Amino acid sequence: MRRVCRLIIAVALFAVLSNRTSTAQTQSSTQRKVTVRIPPYYPEVAKRMHLGGVVKLEVVVQANGKVKSAKGLGGSPLLIQSATDAVQKWRFEAAPGETTEVVQIVFEVPKS
């Protein structure tokens, strides 16, 4: 059992470490266009740990385009807060009513 756990951890770390650039990118599969996009801060502890990956957020957007709420659907807990803080500052185009959007933010591991 311990070997299986170690193997799973090793595979997960390999997947995280296989991409080695230092940026955070945003990709959104939204119905509404983003008009103001603030990039997320890449946490220092995540950089030191060479931790990257995709953070998926569910974002509730008011009719006027302001973000009402954002919650993490997946990703590293070390990166979710940074992504959420950034998305809270985003603005979307106005719409007739409130919508729920799914946003993905990619944190790429810094090069060594």
PDB file of N, CA and C in Angstrom:
ATOM      1  N   MET A   1       0.817  -1.191   0.000  1.00  0.00           N
ATOM      2  CA  MET A   1       0.000   0.000   0.000  1.00  0.00           C
ATOM      3  C   MET A   1       0.866   1.262   0.000  1.00  0.00           C
ATOM      4  N   ARG A   2       1.948   1.241   0.776  1.00  0.00           N
ATOM      5  CA  ARG A   2       2.829   2.403   0.823  1.00  0.00           C
ATOM      6  C   ARG A   2       3.476   2.666  -0.531  1.00  0.00           C
ATOM      7  N   ARG A   3       3.831   1.581  -1.230  1.00  0.00           N
ATOM      8  CA  ARG A   3       4.428   1.744  -2.558  1.00  0.00           C
ATOM      9  C   ARG A   3       3.460   2.394  -3.519  1.00  0.00           C
ATOM     10  N   VAL A   4       2.214   1.990  -3.455  1.00  0.00           N
ATOM     11  CA  VAL A   4       1.198   2.567  -4.340  1.00  0.00           C
ATOM     12  C   VAL A   4       1.040   4.051  -4.040  1.00  0.00           C
ATOM     13  N   CYS A   5       0.989   4.402  -2.758  1.00  0.00           N
ATOM     14  CA  CYS A   5       0.876   5.816  -2.381  1.00  0.00           C
ATOM     15  C   CYS A   5       2.077   6.615  -2.871  1.00  0.00           C
ATOM     16  N   ARG A   6       3.261   6.061  -2.699  1.00  0.00           N
ATOM     17  CA  ARG A   6       4.464   6.749  -3.170  1.00  0.00           C
ATOM     18  C   ARG A   6       4.455   6.912  -4.684  1.00  0.00           C
ATOM     19  N   LEU A   7       4.005   5.904  -5.381  1.00  0.00           N
ATOM     20  CA  LEU A   7       3.931   5.976  -6.832  1.00  0.00           C
ATOM     21  C   LEU A   7       2.942   7.057  -7.266  1.00  0.00           C
ATOM     22  N   ILE A   8       1.802   7.111  -6.620  1.00  0.00           N
ATOM     23  CA  ILE A   8       0.796   8.132  -6.958  1.00  0.00           C
ATOM     24  C   ILE A   8       1.360   9.519  -6.713  1.00  0.00           C
ATOM     25  N   ILE A   9       2.034   9.712  -5.590  1.00  0.00           N
ATOM     26  CA  ILE A   9       2.633  11.010  -5.280  1.00  0.00           C
ATOM     27  C   ILE A   9       3.704  11.354  -6.304  1.00  0.00           C
ATOM     28  N   ALA A  10       4.530  10.388  -6.673  1.00  0.00           N
ATOM     29  CA  ALA A  10       5.580  10.632  -7.660  1.00  0.00           C
ATOM     30  C   ALA A  10       4.993  11.030  -9.012  1.00  0.00           C
ATOM     31  N   VAL A  11       3.943  10.362  -9.423  1.00  0.00           N
ATOM     32  CA  VAL A  11       3.294  10.693 -10.702  1.00  0.00           C
ATOM     33  C   VAL A  11       2.708  12.097 -10.641  1.00  0.00           C
ATOM     34  N   ALA A  12       2.071  12.434  -9.536  1.00  0.00           N
ATOM     35  CA  ALA A  12       1.488  13.770  -9.380  1.00  0.00           C
ATOM     36  C   ALA A  12       2.571  14.840  -9.407  1.00  0.00           C
ATOM     37  N   LEU A  13       3.671  14.617  -8.715  1.00  0.00           N
ATOM     38  CA  LEU A  13       4.767  15.586  -8.726  1.00  0.00           C
ATOM     39  C   LEU A  13       5.380  15.720 -10.106  1.00  0.00           C
ATOM     40  N   PHE A  14       5.540  14.607 -10.807  1.00  0.00           N
ATOM     41  CA  PHE A  14       6.073  14.667 -12.165  1.00  0.00           C
ATOM     42  C   PHE A  14       5.175  15.509 -13.056  1.00  0.00           C
ATOM     43  N   ALA A  15       3.878  15.334 -12.936  1.00  0.00           N
ATOM     44  CA  ALA A  15       2.934  16.110 -13.755  1.00  0.00           C
ATOM     45  C   ALA A  15       3.064  17.598 -13.459  1.00  0.00           C
ATOM     46  N   VAL A  16       3.220  17.935 -12.197  1.00  0.00           N
ATOM     47  CA  VAL A  16       3.355  19.348 -11.820  1.00  0.00           C
ATOM     48  C   VAL A  16       4.682  19.908 -12.303  1.00  0.00           C
ATOM     49  N   LEU A  17       5.754  19.144 -12.180  1.00  0.00           N
ATOM     50  CA  LEU A  17       7.081  19.644 -12.517  1.00  0.00           C
ATOM     51  C   LEU A  17       7.410  19.591 -13.997  1.00  0.00           C
ATOM     52  N   SER A  18       6.594  18.948 -14.794  1.00  0.00           N
ATOM     53  CA  SER A  18       6.904  18.805 -16.212  1.00  0.00           C
ATOM     54  C   SER A  18       6.792  20.110 -16.977  1.00  0.00           C
ATOM     55  N   ASN A  19       6.070  21.093 -16.468  1.00  0.00           N
ATOM     56  CA  ASN A  19       5.929  22.391 -17.104  1.00  0.00           C
ATOM     57  C   ASN A  19       6.705  23.402 -16.282  1.00  0.00           C
ATOM     58  N   ARG A  20       7.726  24.069 -16.861  1.00  0.00           N
ATOM     59  CA  ARG A  20       8.623  24.859 -16.027  1.00  0.00           C
ATOM     60  C   ARG A  20       8.787  26.309 -16.479  1.00  0.00           C
ATOM     61  N   THR A  21       7.736  27.110 -16.537  1.00  0.00           N
ATOM     62  CA  THR A  21       7.878  28.547 -16.749  1.00  0.00           C
ATOM     63  C   THR A  21       7.163  29.261 -15.622  1.00  0.00           C
ATOM     64  N   SER A  22       7.505  30.527 -15.403  1.00  0.00           N
ATOM     65  CA  SER A  22       6.995  31.236 -14.230  1.00  0.00           C
ATOM     66  C   SER A  22       5.944  32.276 -14.602  1.00  0.00           C
ATOM     67  N   THR A  23       4.755  31.833 -14.857  1.00  0.00           N
ATOM     68  CA  THR A  23       3.678  32.776 -15.129  1.00  0.00           C
ATOM     69  C   THR A  23       2.374  32.176 -14.667  1.00  0.00           C
ATOM     70  N   ALA A  24       1.407  33.027 -14.573  1.00  0.00           N
ATOM     71  CA  ALA A  24       0.047  32.567 -14.316  1.00  0.00           C
ATOM     72  C   ALA A  24      -0.788  33.074 -15.479  1.00  0.00           C
ATOM     73  N   GLN A  25      -1.477  32.189 -16.135  1.00  0.00           N
ATOM     74  CA  GLN A  25      -2.276  32.545 -17.299  1.00  0.00           C
ATOM     75  C   GLN A  25      -3.732  32.276 -16.985  1.00  0.00           C
ATOM     76  N   THR A  26      -4.586  32.989 -17.685  1.00  0.00           N
ATOM     77  CA  THR A  26      -6.009  32.756 -17.476  1.00  0.00           C
ATOM     78  C   THR A  26      -6.641  32.270 -18.763  1.00  0.00           C
ATOM     79  N   GLN A  27      -7.505  31.326 -18.614  1.00  0.00           N
ATOM     80  CA  GLN A  27      -8.307  30.833 -19.722  1.00  0.00           C
ATOM     81  C   GLN A  27      -9.726  30.796 -19.193  1.00  0.00           C
ATOM     82  N   SER A  28     -10.637  31.266 -19.970  1.00  0.00           N
ATOM     83  CA  SER A  28     -12.002  31.211 -19.476  1.00  0.00           C
ATOM     84  C   SER A  28     -12.918  30.617 -20.521  1.00  0.00           C
ATOM     85  N   SER A  29     -13.849  29.818 -20.051  1.00  0.00           N
ATOM     86  CA  SER A  29     -14.872  29.270 -20.928  1.00  0.00           C
ATOM     87  C   SER A  29     -16.187  29.918 -20.504  1.00  0.00           C
ATOM     88  N   THR A  30     -16.215  31.225 -20.653  1.00  0.00           N
ATOM     89  CA  THR A  30     -17.354  31.986 -20.158  1.00  0.00           C
ATOM     90  C   THR A  30     -18.317  32.327 -21.286  1.00  0.00           C
ATOM     91  N   GLN A  31     -19.531  32.594 -20.901  1.00  0.00           N
ATOM     92  CA  GLN A  31     -20.525  33.075 -21.853  1.00  0.00           C
ATOM     93  C   GLN A  31     -20.368  34.579 -22.046  1.00  0.00           C
ATOM     94  N   ARG A  32     -19.882  35.241 -21.016  1.00  0.00           N
ATOM     95  CA  ARG A  32     -19.713  36.692 -21.052  1.00  0.00           C
ATOM     96  C   ARG A  32     -18.247  37.049 -21.231  1.00  0.00           C
ATOM     97  N   LYS A  33     -17.999  38.073 -21.999  1.00  0.00           N
ATOM     98  CA  LYS A  33     -16.643  38.519 -22.272  1.00  0.00           C
ATOM     99  C   LYS A  33     -16.068  39.216 -21.040  1.00  0.00           C
ATOM    100  N   VAL A  34     -14.812  38.906 -20.735  1.00  0.00           N
ATOM    101  CA  VAL A  34     -14.101  39.579 -19.656  1.00  0.00           C
ATOM    102  C   VAL A  34     -13.587  40.909 -20.205  1.00  0.00           C
ATOM    103  N   THR A  35     -13.932  42.017 -19.543  1.00  0.00           N
ATOM    104  CA  THR A  35     -13.484  43.334 -20.000  1.00  0.00           C
ATOM    105  C   THR A  35     -12.265  43.829 -19.222  1.00  0.00           C
ATOM    106  N   VAL A  36     -12.137  43.414 -17.959  1.00  0.00           N
ATOM    107  CA  VAL A  36     -10.968  43.743 -17.144  1.00  0.00           C
ATOM    108  C   VAL A  36     -10.485  42.443 -16.518  1.00  0.00           C
ATOM    109  N   ARG A  37      -9.239  42.071 -16.831  1.00  0.00           N
ATOM    110  CA  ARG A  37      -8.676  40.812 -16.350  1.00  0.00           C
ATOM    111  C   ARG A  37      -7.407  41.118 -15.551  1.00  0.00           C
ATOM    112  N   ILE A  38      -7.459  40.898 -14.252  1.00  0.00           N
ATOM    113  CA  ILE A  38      -6.310  41.105 -13.374  1.00  0.00           C
ATOM    114  C   ILE A  38      -5.574  39.770 -13.229  1.00  0.00           C
ATOM    115  N   PRO A  39      -4.269  39.737 -13.532  1.00  0.00           N
ATOM    116  CA  PRO A  39      -3.551  38.468 -13.397  1.00  0.00           C
ATOM    117  C   PRO A  39      -3.367  38.098 -11.924  1.00  0.00           C
ATOM    118  N   PRO A  40      -3.378  36.822 -11.619  1.00  0.00           N
ATOM    119  CA  PRO A  40      -3.194  36.405 -10.226  1.00  0.00           C
ATOM    120  C   PRO A  40      -1.738  36.519  -9.794  1.00  0.00           C
ATOM    121  N   TYR A  41      -1.546  36.706  -8.511  1.00  0.00           N
ATOM    122  CA  TYR A  41      -0.222  36.708  -7.900  1.00  0.00           C
ATOM    123  C   TYR A  41       0.217  35.253  -7.740  1.00  0.00           C
ATOM    124  N   TYR A  42       1.458  34.965  -8.124  1.00  0.00           N
ATOM    125  CA  TYR A  42       1.987  33.606  -7.966  1.00  0.00           C
ATOM    126  C   TYR A  42       2.606  33.526  -6.573  1.00  0.00           C
ATOM    127  N   PRO A  43       1.996  32.813  -5.634  1.00  0.00           N
ATOM    128  CA  PRO A  43       2.494  32.780  -4.254  1.00  0.00           C
ATOM    129  C   PRO A  43       3.942  32.298  -4.158  1.00  0.00           C
ATOM    130  N   GLU A  44       4.736  32.987  -3.325  1.00  0.00           N
ATOM    131  CA  GLU A  44       6.148  32.631  -3.149  1.00  0.00           C
ATOM    132  C   GLU A  44       6.334  31.187  -2.712  1.00  0.00           C
ATOM    133  N   VAL A  45       5.510  30.723  -1.782  1.00  0.00           N
ATOM    134  CA  VAL A  45       5.659  29.353  -1.292  1.00  0.00           C
ATOM    135  C   VAL A  45       5.423  28.350  -2.423  1.00  0.00           C
ATOM    136  N   ALA A  46       4.499  28.649  -3.319  1.00  0.00           N
ATOM    137  CA  ALA A  46       4.243  27.769  -4.460  1.00  0.00           C
ATOM    138  C   ALA A  46       5.438  27.775  -5.415  1.00  0.00           C
ATOM    139  N   LYS A  47       6.041  28.950  -5.619  1.00  0.00           N
ATOM    140  CA  LYS A  47       7.237  29.032  -6.467  1.00  0.00           C
ATOM    141  C   LYS A  47       8.365  28.192  -5.882  1.00  0.00           C
ATOM    142  N   ARG A  48       8.601  28.353  -4.561  1.00  0.00           N
ATOM    143  CA  ARG A  48       9.698  27.604  -3.921  1.00  0.00           C
ATOM    144  C   ARG A  48       9.468  26.100  -3.989  1.00  0.00           C
ATOM    145  N   MET A  49       8.191  25.692  -3.948  1.00  0.00           N
ATOM    146  CA  MET A  49       7.866  24.259  -3.996  1.00  0.00           C
ATOM    147  C   MET A  49       7.752  23.748  -5.427  1.00  0.00           C
ATOM    148  N   HIS A  50       7.964  24.659  -6.411  1.00  0.00           N
ATOM    149  CA  HIS A  50       7.796  24.313  -7.821  1.00  0.00           C
ATOM    150  C   HIS A  50       6.400  23.749  -8.069  1.00  0.00           C
ATOM    151  N   LEU A  51       5.424  24.415  -7.478  1.00  0.00           N
ATOM    152  CA  LEU A  51       4.042  23.976  -7.567  1.00  0.00           C
ATOM    153  C   LEU A  51       3.306  24.799  -8.617  1.00  0.00           C
ATOM    154  N   GLY A  52       2.698  24.129  -9.544  1.00  0.00           N
ATOM    155  CA  GLY A  52       1.917  24.789 -10.574  1.00  0.00           C
ATOM    156  C   GLY A  52       0.678  23.974 -10.840  1.00  0.00           C
ATOM    157  N   GLY A  53      -0.040  24.354 -11.853  1.00  0.00           N
ATOM    158  CA  GLY A  53      -1.215  23.603 -12.229  1.00  0.00           C
ATOM    159  C   GLY A  53      -2.375  24.513 -12.567  1.00  0.00           C
ATOM    160  N   VAL A  54      -3.533  23.910 -12.734  1.00  0.00           N
ATOM    161  CA  VAL A  54      -4.734  24.633 -13.131  1.00  0.00           C
ATOM    162  C   VAL A  54      -5.652  24.796 -11.927  1.00  0.00           C
ATOM    163  N   VAL A  55      -6.157  25.999 -11.759  1.00  0.00           N
ATOM    164  CA  VAL A  55      -7.176  26.280 -10.755  1.00  0.00           C
ATOM    165  C   VAL A  55      -8.465  26.556 -11.505  1.00  0.00           C
ATOM    166  N   LYS A  56      -9.507  25.851 -11.133  1.00  0.00           N
ATOM    167  CA  LYS A  56     -10.811  26.022 -11.767  1.00  0.00           C
ATOM    168  C   LYS A  56     -11.728  26.713 -10.766  1.00  0.00           C
ATOM    169  N   LEU A  57     -12.374  27.798 -11.201  1.00  0.00           N
ATOM    170  CA  LEU A  57     -13.244  28.583 -10.338  1.00  0.00           C
ATOM    171  C   LEU A  57     -14.641  28.707 -10.923  1.00  0.00           C
ATOM    172  N   GLU A  58     -15.615  28.725 -10.038  1.00  0.00           N
ATOM    173  CA  GLU A  58     -16.983  29.046 -10.420  1.00  0.00           C
ATOM    174  C   GLU A  58     -17.216  30.495  -9.998  1.00  0.00           C
ATOM    175  N   VAL A  59     -17.557  31.336 -10.960  1.00  0.00           N
ATOM    176  CA  VAL A  59     -17.677  32.768 -10.715  1.00  0.00           C
ATOM    177  C   VAL A  59     -19.120  33.205 -10.990  1.00  0.00           C
ATOM    178  N   VAL A  60     -19.729  33.841 -10.000  1.00  0.00           N
ATOM    179  CA  VAL A  60     -21.067  34.402 -10.165  1.00  0.00           C
ATOM    180  C   VAL A  60     -20.883  35.875 -10.499  1.00  0.00           C
ATOM    181  N   VAL A  61     -21.430  36.280 -11.663  1.00  0.00           N
ATOM    182  CA  VAL A  61     -21.260  37.640 -12.162  1.00  0.00           C
ATOM    183  C   VAL A  61     -22.609  38.345 -12.157  1.00  0.00           C
ATOM    184  N   GLN A  62     -22.633  39.531 -11.563  1.00  0.00           N
ATOM    185  CA  GLN A  62     -23.855  40.340 -11.523  1.00  0.00           C
ATOM    186  C   GLN A  62     -24.174  40.881 -12.909  1.00  0.00           C
ATOM    187  N   ALA A  63     -25.371  41.362 -13.086  1.00  0.00           N
ATOM    188  CA  ALA A  63     -25.798  41.897 -14.381  1.00  0.00           C
ATOM    189  C   ALA A  63     -24.895  43.032 -14.849  1.00  0.00           C
ATOM    190  N   ASN A  64     -24.392  43.849 -13.922  1.00  0.00           N
ATOM    191  CA  ASN A  64     -23.536  44.983 -14.289  1.00  0.00           C
ATOM    192  C   ASN A  64     -22.100  44.574 -14.624  1.00  0.00           C
ATOM    193  N   GLY A  65     -21.765  43.295 -14.478  1.00  0.00           N
ATOM    194  CA  GLY A  65     -20.443  42.795 -14.841  1.00  0.00           C
ATOM    195  C   GLY A  65     -19.483  42.628 -13.682  1.00  0.00           C
ATOM    196  N   LYS A  66     -19.889  43.057 -12.488  1.00  0.00           N
ATOM    197  CA  LYS A  66     -19.028  42.882 -11.313  1.00  0.00           C
ATOM    198  C   LYS A  66     -19.151  41.462 -10.787  1.00  0.00           C
ATOM    199  N   VAL A  67     -18.041  40.952 -10.262  1.00  0.00           N
ATOM    200  CA  VAL A  67     -18.034  39.602  -9.702  1.00  0.00           C
ATOM    201  C   VAL A  67     -18.700  39.632  -8.330  1.00  0.00           C
ATOM    202  N   LYS A  68     -19.706  38.804  -8.174  1.00  0.00           N
ATOM    203  CA  LYS A  68     -20.422  38.699  -6.903  1.00  0.00           C
ATOM    204  C   LYS A  68     -19.716  37.722  -5.973  1.00  0.00           C
ATOM    205  N   SER A  69     -19.290  36.582  -6.536  1.00  0.00           N
ATOM    206  CA  SER A  69     -18.580  35.583  -5.738  1.00  0.00           C
ATOM    207  C   SER A  69     -17.755  34.693  -6.650  1.00  0.00           C
ATOM    208  N   ALA A  70     -16.756  34.072  -6.046  1.00  0.00           N
ATOM    209  CA  ALA A  70     -15.914  33.111  -6.767  1.00  0.00           C
ATOM    210  C   ALA A  70     -15.531  32.022  -5.781  1.00  0.00           C
ATOM    211  N   LYS A  71     -15.656  30.777  -6.223  1.00  0.00           N
ATOM    212  CA  LYS A  71     -15.248  29.673  -5.350  1.00  0.00           C
ATOM    213  C   LYS A  71     -14.473  28.648  -6.159  1.00  0.00           C
ATOM    214  N   GLY A  72     -13.504  28.037  -5.480  1.00  0.00           N
ATOM    215  CA  GLY A  72     -12.652  27.047  -6.117  1.00  0.00           C
ATOM    216  C   GLY A  72     -13.387  25.746  -6.374  1.00  0.00           C
ATOM    217  N   LEU A  73     -13.233  25.240  -7.583  1.00  0.00           N
ATOM    218  CA  LEU A  73     -13.786  23.929  -7.956  1.00  0.00           C
ATOM    219  C   LEU A  73     -12.696  22.878  -8.020  1.00  0.00           C
ATOM    220  N   GLY A  74     -11.458  23.326  -8.165  1.00  0.00           N
ATOM    221  CA  GLY A  74     -10.353  22.384  -8.245  1.00  0.00           C
ATOM    222  C   GLY A  74      -9.033  23.094  -8.362  1.00  0.00           C
ATOM    223  N   GLY A  75      -7.988  22.391  -7.979  1.00  0.00           N
ATOM    224  CA  GLY A  75      -6.650  22.949  -8.044  1.00  0.00           C
ATOM    225  C   GLY A  75      -5.980  22.899  -6.692  1.00  0.00           C
ATOM    226  N   SER A  76      -4.735  23.308  -6.660  1.00  0.00           N
ATOM    227  CA  SER A  76      -3.959  23.299  -5.423  1.00  0.00           C
ATOM    228  C   SER A  76      -4.493  24.340  -4.442  1.00  0.00           C
ATOM    229  N   PRO A  77      -4.676  23.951  -3.194  1.00  0.00           N
ATOM    230  CA  PRO A  77      -5.121  24.917  -2.184  1.00  0.00           C
ATOM    231  C   PRO A  77      -4.174  26.117  -2.058  1.00  0.00           C
ATOM    232  N   LEU A  78      -2.884  25.925  -2.359  1.00  0.00           N
ATOM    233  CA  LEU A  78      -1.940  27.043  -2.300  1.00  0.00           C
ATOM    234  C   LEU A  78      -2.174  28.067  -3.406  1.00  0.00           C
ATOM    235  N   LEU A  79      -2.837  27.656  -4.477  1.00  0.00           N
ATOM    236  CA  LEU A  79      -3.059  28.550  -5.616  1.00  0.00           C
ATOM    237  C   LEU A  79      -4.491  29.073  -5.695  1.00  0.00           C
ATOM    238  N   ILE A  80      -5.430  28.362  -5.098  1.00  0.00           N
ATOM    239  CA  ILE A  80      -6.842  28.740  -5.212  1.00  0.00           C
ATOM    240  C   ILE A  80      -7.100  30.140  -4.662  1.00  0.00           C
ATOM    241  N   GLN A  81      -6.524  30.471  -3.505  1.00  0.00           N
ATOM    242  CA  GLN A  81      -6.791  31.784  -2.914  1.00  0.00           C
ATOM    243  C   GLN A  81      -6.285  32.914  -3.793  1.00  0.00           C
ATOM    244  N   SER A  82      -5.093  32.754  -4.356  1.00  0.00           N
ATOM    245  CA  SER A  82      -4.543  33.772  -5.242  1.00  0.00           C
ATOM    246  C   SER A  82      -5.423  33.956  -6.480  1.00  0.00           C
ATOM    247  N   ALA A  83      -5.866  32.846  -7.056  1.00  0.00           N
ATOM    248  CA  ALA A  83      -6.741  32.916  -8.232  1.00  0.00           C
ATOM    249  C   ALA A  83      -8.067  33.575  -7.884  1.00  0.00           C
ATOM    250  N   THR A  84      -8.632  33.215  -6.743  1.00  0.00           N
ATOM    251  CA  THR A  84      -9.907  33.792  -6.314  1.00  0.00           C
ATOM    252  C   THR A  84      -9.773  35.290  -6.084  1.00  0.00           C
ATOM    253  N   ASP A  85      -8.694  35.713  -5.424  1.00  0.00           N
ATOM    254  CA  ASP A  85      -8.478  37.141  -5.171  1.00  0.00           C
ATOM    255  C   ASP A  85      -8.406  37.925  -6.479  1.00  0.00           C
ATOM    256  N   ALA A  86      -7.721  37.384  -7.477  1.00  0.00           N
ATOM    257  CA  ALA A  86      -7.590  38.070  -8.763  1.00  0.00           C
ATOM    258  C   ALA A  86      -8.935  38.148  -9.479  1.00  0.00           C
ATOM    259  N   VAL A  87      -9.657  37.043  -9.522  1.00  0.00           N
ATOM    260  CA  VAL A  87     -10.933  37.002 -10.257  1.00  0.00           C
ATOM    261  C   VAL A  87     -11.972  37.918  -9.609  1.00  0.00           C
ATOM    262  N   GLN A  88     -11.884  38.111  -8.303  1.00  0.00           N
ATOM    263  CA  GLN A  88     -12.806  39.020  -7.618  1.00  0.00           C
ATOM    264  C   GLN A  88     -12.683  40.451  -8.165  1.00  0.00           C
ATOM    265  N   LYS A  89     -11.543  40.787  -8.757  1.00  0.00           N
ATOM    266  CA  LYS A  89     -11.303  42.131  -9.305  1.00  0.00           C
ATOM    267  C   LYS A  89     -11.646  42.238 -10.786  1.00  0.00           C
ATOM    268  N   TRP A  90     -11.968  41.119 -11.411  1.00  0.00           N
ATOM    269  CA  TRP A  90     -12.317  41.139 -12.832  1.00  0.00           C
ATOM    270  C   TRP A  90     -13.641  41.854 -13.052  1.00  0.00           C
ATOM    271  N   ARG A  91     -13.833  42.288 -14.305  1.00  0.00           N
ATOM    272  CA  ARG A  91     -15.116  42.843 -14.739  1.00  0.00           C
ATOM    273  C   ARG A  91     -15.502  42.150 -16.049  1.00  0.00           C
ATOM    274  N   PHE A  92     -16.780  41.866 -16.157  1.00  0.00           N
ATOM    275  CA  PHE A  92     -17.326  41.224 -17.351  1.00  0.00           C
ATOM    276  C   PHE A  92     -18.246  42.215 -18.058  1.00  0.00           C
ATOM    277  N   GLU A  93     -18.578  41.915 -19.299  1.00  0.00           N
ATOM    278  CA  GLU A  93     -19.525  42.768 -20.004  1.00  0.00           C
ATOM    279  C   GLU A  93     -20.887  42.666 -19.323  1.00  0.00           C
ATOM    280  N   ALA A  94     -21.650  43.742 -19.433  1.00  0.00           N
ATOM    281  CA  ALA A  94     -22.983  43.773 -18.832  1.00  0.00           C
ATOM    282  C   ALA A  94     -23.896  42.771 -19.537  1.00  0.00           C
ATOM    283  N   ALA A  95     -24.884  42.285 -18.804  1.00  0.00           N
ATOM    284  CA  ALA A  95     -25.844  41.312 -19.338  1.00  0.00           C
ATOM    285  C   ALA A  95     -27.203  41.589 -18.698  1.00  0.00           C
ATOM    286  N   PRO A  96     -28.268  41.006 -19.261  1.00  0.00           N
ATOM    287  CA  PRO A  96     -29.605  41.224 -18.708  1.00  0.00           C
ATOM    288  C   PRO A  96     -29.775  40.696 -17.283  1.00  0.00           C
ATOM    289  N   GLY A  97     -28.975  39.705 -16.896  1.00  0.00           N
ATOM    290  CA  GLY A  97     -29.125  39.136 -15.567  1.00  0.00           C
ATOM    291  C   GLY A  97     -27.832  38.550 -15.051  1.00  0.00           C
ATOM    292  N   GLU A  98     -27.881  38.023 -13.855  1.00  0.00           N
ATOM    293  CA  GLU A  98     -26.738  37.379 -13.216  1.00  0.00           C
ATOM    294  C   GLU A  98     -26.427  36.061 -13.922  1.00  0.00           C
ATOM    295  N   THR A  99     -25.135  35.764 -14.072  1.00  0.00           N
ATOM    296  CA  THR A  99     -24.728  34.507 -14.702  1.00  0.00           C
ATOM    297  C   THR A  99     -23.653  33.823 -13.860  1.00  0.00           C
ATOM    298  N   THR A 100     -23.489  32.542 -14.103  1.00  0.00           N
ATOM    299  CA  THR A 100     -22.421  31.775 -13.469  1.00  0.00           C
ATOM    300  C   THR A 100     -21.457  31.330 -14.556  1.00  0.00           C
ATOM    301  N   GLU A 101     -20.201  31.664 -14.357  1.00  0.00           N
ATOM    302  CA  GLU A 101     -19.154  31.368 -15.337  1.00  0.00           C
ATOM    303  C   GLU A 101     -18.135  30.420 -14.715  1.00  0.00           C
ATOM    304  N   VAL A 102     -17.457  29.651 -15.548  1.00  0.00           N
ATOM    305  CA  VAL A 102     -16.365  28.793 -15.097  1.00  0.00           C
ATOM    306  C   VAL A 102     -15.078  29.342 -15.699  1.00  0.00           C
ATOM    307  N   VAL A 103     -14.102  29.598 -14.824  1.00  0.00           N
ATOM    308  CA  VAL A 103     -12.831  30.196 -15.234  1.00  0.00           C
ATOM    309  C   VAL A 103     -11.704  29.259 -14.823  1.00  0.00           C
ATOM    310  N   GLN A 104     -10.717  29.112 -15.687  1.00  0.00           N
ATOM    311  CA  GLN A 104      -9.528  28.326 -15.367  1.00  0.00           C
ATOM    312  C   GLN A 104      -8.316  29.233 -15.407  1.00  0.00           C
ATOM    313  N   ILE A 105      -7.499  29.135 -14.382  1.00  0.00           N
ATOM    314  CA  ILE A 105      -6.257  29.899 -14.323  1.00  0.00           C
ATOM    315  C   ILE A 105      -5.111  28.895 -14.238  1.00  0.00           C
ATOM    316  N   VAL A 106      -4.124  29.070 -15.115  1.00  0.00           N
ATOM    317  CA  VAL A 106      -2.995  28.143 -15.177  1.00  0.00           C
ATOM    318  C   VAL A 106      -1.786  28.813 -14.533  1.00  0.00           C
ATOM    319  N   PHE A 107      -1.240  28.158 -13.515  1.00  0.00           N
ATOM    320  CA  PHE A 107      -0.011  28.604 -12.873  1.00  0.00           C
ATOM    321  C   PHE A 107       1.099  27.697 -13.391  1.00  0.00           C
ATOM    322  N   GLU A 108       2.089  28.299 -14.035  1.00  0.00           N
ATOM    323  CA  GLU A 108       3.196  27.527 -14.580  1.00  0.00           C
ATOM    324  C   GLU A 108       4.391  27.619 -13.646  1.00  0.00           C
ATOM    325  N   VAL A 109       5.035  26.497 -13.414  1.00  0.00           N
ATOM    326  CA  VAL A 109       6.151  26.391 -12.479  1.00  0.00           C
ATOM    327  C   VAL A 109       7.337  27.196 -12.979  1.00  0.00           C
ATOM    328  N   PRO A 110       7.993  27.940 -12.079  1.00  0.00           N
ATOM    329  CA  PRO A 110       9.170  28.723 -12.478  1.00  0.00           C
ATOM    330  C   PRO A 110      10.297  27.844 -13.009  1.00  0.00           C
ATOM    331  N   LYS A 111      11.036  28.361 -13.980  1.00  0.00           N
ATOM    332  CA  LYS A 111      12.205  27.633 -14.518  1.00  0.00           C
ATOM    333  C   LYS A 111      13.311  27.657 -13.481  1.00  0.00           C
ATOM    334  N   SER A 112      14.031  26.555 -13.436  1.00  0.00           N
ATOM    335  CA  SER A 112      15.166  26.484 -12.497  1.00  0.00           C
ATOM    336  C   SER A 112      16.440  26.918 -13.167  1.00  0.00           C
TER     337      SER A 112
END
